[in-house]
Amino acid sequence: MGVEIYNYNIDGQSLATSQLISYLKGLSYQLSSTVAYACNNIKECLTPYKVEAATVWTQSRKINYGTLTFFQNAIVPFT
């Protein structure tokens, strides 16, 4: 299963998917600003749920997404 991430930016700067994954690796961050994760690799945290207009917080920085598709290892299904 792969990950699909597009229409996102960090502090107004667009990043490629590979850059985004590198940025998130090893960080504590939140999905939808309510579910907290701490991961060594973003693939360990991502879930198979498709999320529309999700928001990811990395430390104090906010990343907005248009759509993203998560990997397995789900804790919370987003609806």
N, C-alpha and C. Protein backbone atom coordinates (compact mmCIF):
# COMPACT_ATOMS: atom_id res chain seq x y z
N MET A 1 0.84 -1.19 0.00
CA MET A 1 0.00 0.00 0.00
C MET A 1 0.88 1.25 0.00
N GLY A 2 0.54 2.22 -0.78
CA GLY A 2 1.34 3.43 -0.86
C GLY A 2 0.64 4.60 -0.19
N VAL A 3 1.31 5.71 -0.23
CA VAL A 3 0.72 6.92 0.35
C VAL A 3 0.55 7.96 -0.75
N GLU A 4 -0.55 8.66 -0.69
CA GLU A 4 -0.86 9.70 -1.66
C GLU A 4 -1.11 10.99 -0.89
N ILE A 5 -0.26 11.97 -1.12
CA ILE A 5 -0.40 13.23 -0.42
C ILE A 5 -0.22 14.35 -1.44
N TYR A 6 -1.18 15.25 -1.50
CA TYR A 6 -1.06 16.36 -2.44
C TYR A 6 -1.86 17.56 -1.96
N ASN A 7 -1.63 18.70 -2.59
CA ASN A 7 -2.29 19.95 -2.21
C ASN A 7 -2.00 20.30 -0.75
N TYR A 8 -0.74 20.24 -0.36
CA TYR A 8 -0.38 20.57 1.01
C TYR A 8 0.71 21.64 1.00
N ASN A 9 0.91 22.24 2.15
CA ASN A 9 2.01 23.18 2.30
C ASN A 9 2.42 23.25 3.76
N ILE A 10 3.66 23.65 3.98
CA ILE A 10 4.17 23.89 5.33
C ILE A 10 4.52 25.36 5.42
N ASP A 11 3.84 26.07 6.31
CA ASP A 11 4.05 27.51 6.47
C ASP A 11 4.04 28.22 5.12
N GLY A 12 3.12 27.83 4.25
CA GLY A 12 2.96 28.48 2.96
C GLY A 12 3.91 28.01 1.88
N GLN A 13 4.80 27.06 2.20
CA GLN A 13 5.76 26.57 1.21
C GLN A 13 5.38 25.16 0.78
N SER A 14 5.19 24.97 -0.52
CA SER A 14 4.84 23.65 -1.04
C SER A 14 6.06 22.74 -1.01
N LEU A 15 5.85 21.49 -0.65
CA LEU A 15 6.93 20.52 -0.60
C LEU A 15 6.52 19.28 -1.40
N ALA A 16 7.51 18.61 -1.98
CA ALA A 16 7.26 17.33 -2.62
C ALA A 16 6.96 16.29 -1.55
N THR A 17 6.29 15.19 -1.95
CA THR A 17 5.92 14.16 -0.98
C THR A 17 7.13 13.62 -0.26
N SER A 18 8.24 13.38 -0.98
CA SER A 18 9.43 12.83 -0.33
C SER A 18 9.99 13.81 0.70
N GLN A 19 9.92 15.10 0.40
CA GLN A 19 10.37 16.11 1.36
C GLN A 19 9.48 16.13 2.58
N LEU A 20 8.18 15.97 2.36
CA LEU A 20 7.24 15.98 3.48
C LEU A 20 7.50 14.79 4.40
N ILE A 21 7.68 13.61 3.81
CA ILE A 21 7.93 12.42 4.62
C ILE A 21 9.22 12.59 5.42
N SER A 22 10.25 13.13 4.80
CA SER A 22 11.49 13.39 5.52
C SER A 22 11.25 14.36 6.67
N TYR A 23 10.42 15.36 6.44
CA TYR A 23 10.14 16.37 7.46
C TYR A 23 9.40 15.77 8.65
N LEU A 24 8.50 14.83 8.38
CA LEU A 24 7.69 14.25 9.45
C LEU A 24 8.39 13.12 10.20
N LYS A 25 9.40 12.51 9.61
CA LYS A 25 10.04 11.35 10.24
C LYS A 25 10.58 11.72 11.62
N GLY A 26 10.27 10.87 12.59
CA GLY A 26 10.82 11.06 13.92
C GLY A 26 10.17 12.16 14.73
N LEU A 27 9.20 12.86 14.17
CA LEU A 27 8.55 13.95 14.89
C LEU A 27 7.30 13.47 15.60
N SER A 28 6.99 14.13 16.68
CA SER A 28 5.67 13.97 17.27
C SER A 28 4.74 14.94 16.56
N TYR A 29 3.62 14.44 16.09
CA TYR A 29 2.70 15.30 15.37
C TYR A 29 1.28 14.85 15.63
N GLN A 30 0.36 15.63 15.20
CA GLN A 30 -1.05 15.33 15.39
C GLN A 30 -1.77 15.32 14.06
N LEU A 31 -2.69 14.39 13.92
CA LEU A 31 -3.58 14.36 12.78
C LEU A 31 -4.93 14.92 13.22
N SER A 32 -5.45 15.82 12.42
CA SER A 32 -6.71 16.49 12.74
C SER A 32 -6.63 17.21 14.09
N SER A 33 -5.43 17.54 14.52
CA SER A 33 -5.15 18.30 15.74
C SER A 33 -5.78 17.69 16.98
N THR A 34 -6.10 16.39 16.94
CA THR A 34 -6.63 15.74 18.13
C THR A 34 -5.93 14.43 18.44
N VAL A 35 -5.48 13.71 17.44
CA VAL A 35 -4.87 12.39 17.65
C VAL A 35 -3.35 12.53 17.57
N ALA A 36 -2.68 12.28 18.65
CA ALA A 36 -1.23 12.48 18.70
C ALA A 36 -0.50 11.18 18.37
N TYR A 37 0.56 11.31 17.60
CA TYR A 37 1.40 10.18 17.25
C TYR A 37 2.86 10.56 17.46
N ALA A 38 3.68 9.59 17.86
CA ALA A 38 5.13 9.77 17.86
C ALA A 38 5.72 8.57 17.12
N CYS A 39 6.41 8.81 16.03
CA CYS A 39 6.83 7.72 15.15
C CYS A 39 8.28 7.88 14.75
N ASN A 40 8.95 6.75 14.57
CA ASN A 40 10.28 6.77 13.98
C ASN A 40 10.18 6.89 12.47
N ASN A 41 9.10 6.39 11.91
CA ASN A 41 8.89 6.42 10.47
C ASN A 41 7.42 6.71 10.22
N ILE A 42 7.15 7.65 9.33
CA ILE A 42 5.75 8.05 9.10
C ILE A 42 4.90 6.86 8.67
N LYS A 43 5.49 5.86 8.00
CA LYS A 43 4.72 4.72 7.53
C LYS A 43 4.17 3.90 8.69
N GLU A 44 4.79 3.99 9.87
CA GLU A 44 4.31 3.25 11.02
C GLU A 44 3.02 3.84 11.57
N CYS A 45 2.76 5.10 11.28
CA CYS A 45 1.64 5.81 11.89
C CYS A 45 0.45 5.95 10.97
N LEU A 46 0.70 6.00 9.68
CA LEU A 46 -0.38 6.33 8.77
C LEU A 46 -1.39 5.21 8.70
N THR A 47 -2.64 5.57 8.50
CA THR A 47 -3.75 4.63 8.56
C THR A 47 -4.37 4.45 7.17
N PRO A 48 -5.14 3.41 6.98
CA PRO A 48 -5.73 3.18 5.66
C PRO A 48 -6.94 4.06 5.37
N TYR A 49 -7.22 5.01 6.23
CA TYR A 49 -8.39 5.84 6.02
C TYR A 49 -8.05 7.03 5.13
N LYS A 50 -8.99 7.38 4.28
CA LYS A 50 -8.81 8.56 3.44
C LYS A 50 -9.40 9.77 4.15
N VAL A 51 -8.63 10.81 4.23
CA VAL A 51 -9.01 11.98 5.01
C VAL A 51 -9.11 13.18 4.08
N GLU A 52 -10.21 13.87 4.14
CA GLU A 52 -10.39 15.09 3.35
C GLU A 52 -10.04 16.30 4.21
N ALA A 53 -9.26 17.18 3.65
CA ALA A 53 -8.94 18.44 4.32
C ALA A 53 -8.40 18.21 5.73
N ALA A 54 -7.45 17.31 5.85
CA ALA A 54 -6.85 17.02 7.15
C ALA A 54 -5.85 18.12 7.52
N THR A 55 -5.58 18.20 8.80
CA THR A 55 -4.56 19.12 9.28
C THR A 55 -3.57 18.33 10.11
N VAL A 56 -2.29 18.51 9.84
CA VAL A 56 -1.24 17.84 10.60
C VAL A 56 -0.42 18.90 11.32
N TRP A 57 -0.24 18.71 12.62
CA TRP A 57 0.60 19.60 13.40
C TRP A 57 1.94 18.91 13.64
N THR A 58 3.03 19.53 13.25
CA THR A 58 4.35 19.01 13.58
C THR A 58 5.00 20.00 14.53
N GLN A 59 5.14 19.58 15.78
CA GLN A 59 5.60 20.49 16.82
C GLN A 59 4.70 21.72 16.80
N SER A 60 5.21 22.89 16.49
CA SER A 60 4.35 24.07 16.49
C SER A 60 3.92 24.47 15.08
N ARG A 61 4.24 23.64 14.09
CA ARG A 61 3.96 24.01 12.71
C ARG A 61 2.75 23.25 12.20
N LYS A 62 1.94 23.93 11.43
CA LYS A 62 0.72 23.33 10.91
C LYS A 62 0.88 23.04 9.42
N ILE A 63 0.47 21.84 9.00
CA ILE A 63 0.49 21.45 7.60
C ILE A 63 -0.94 21.17 7.17
N ASN A 64 -1.39 21.82 6.11
CA ASN A 64 -2.75 21.61 5.60
C ASN A 64 -2.70 20.73 4.35
N TYR A 65 -3.63 19.79 4.28
CA TYR A 65 -3.71 18.88 3.16
C TYR A 65 -5.04 19.03 2.45
N GLY A 66 -5.02 18.82 1.15
CA GLY A 66 -6.28 18.68 0.45
C GLY A 66 -6.84 17.29 0.68
N THR A 67 -6.07 16.29 0.33
CA THR A 67 -6.48 14.90 0.51
C THR A 67 -5.25 14.08 0.85
N LEU A 68 -5.38 13.13 1.75
CA LEU A 68 -4.30 12.19 1.91
C LEU A 68 -4.82 10.80 2.23
N THR A 69 -4.08 9.82 1.77
CA THR A 69 -4.43 8.42 1.98
C THR A 69 -3.37 7.81 2.88
N PHE A 70 -3.81 7.21 3.98
CA PHE A 70 -2.88 6.74 5.00
C PHE A 70 -2.57 5.25 4.85
N PHE A 71 -1.45 4.86 5.45
CA PHE A 71 -1.10 3.45 5.53
C PHE A 71 -1.89 2.74 6.62
N GLN A 72 -1.57 1.49 6.86
CA GLN A 72 -2.19 0.71 7.92
C GLN A 72 -1.57 1.07 9.27
N ASN A 73 -1.93 0.32 10.31
CA ASN A 73 -1.58 0.61 11.70
C ASN A 73 -2.44 1.75 12.21
N ALA A 74 -3.75 1.51 12.17
CA ALA A 74 -4.70 2.56 12.54
C ALA A 74 -4.99 2.52 14.03
N ILE A 75 -5.11 3.68 14.62
CA ILE A 75 -5.66 3.79 15.97
C ILE A 75 -7.07 4.36 15.89
N VAL A 76 -7.23 5.39 15.10
CA VAL A 76 -8.51 6.09 15.01
C VAL A 76 -8.95 6.17 13.56
N PRO A 77 -10.17 5.73 13.25
CA PRO A 77 -10.70 5.96 11.91
C PRO A 77 -11.25 7.37 11.82
N PHE A 78 -10.88 8.09 10.77
CA PHE A 78 -11.39 9.44 10.57
C PHE A 78 -12.61 9.36 9.65
N THR A 79 -13.67 10.02 10.06
CA THR A 79 -14.88 9.98 9.25
C THR A 79 -15.34 11.39 8.89
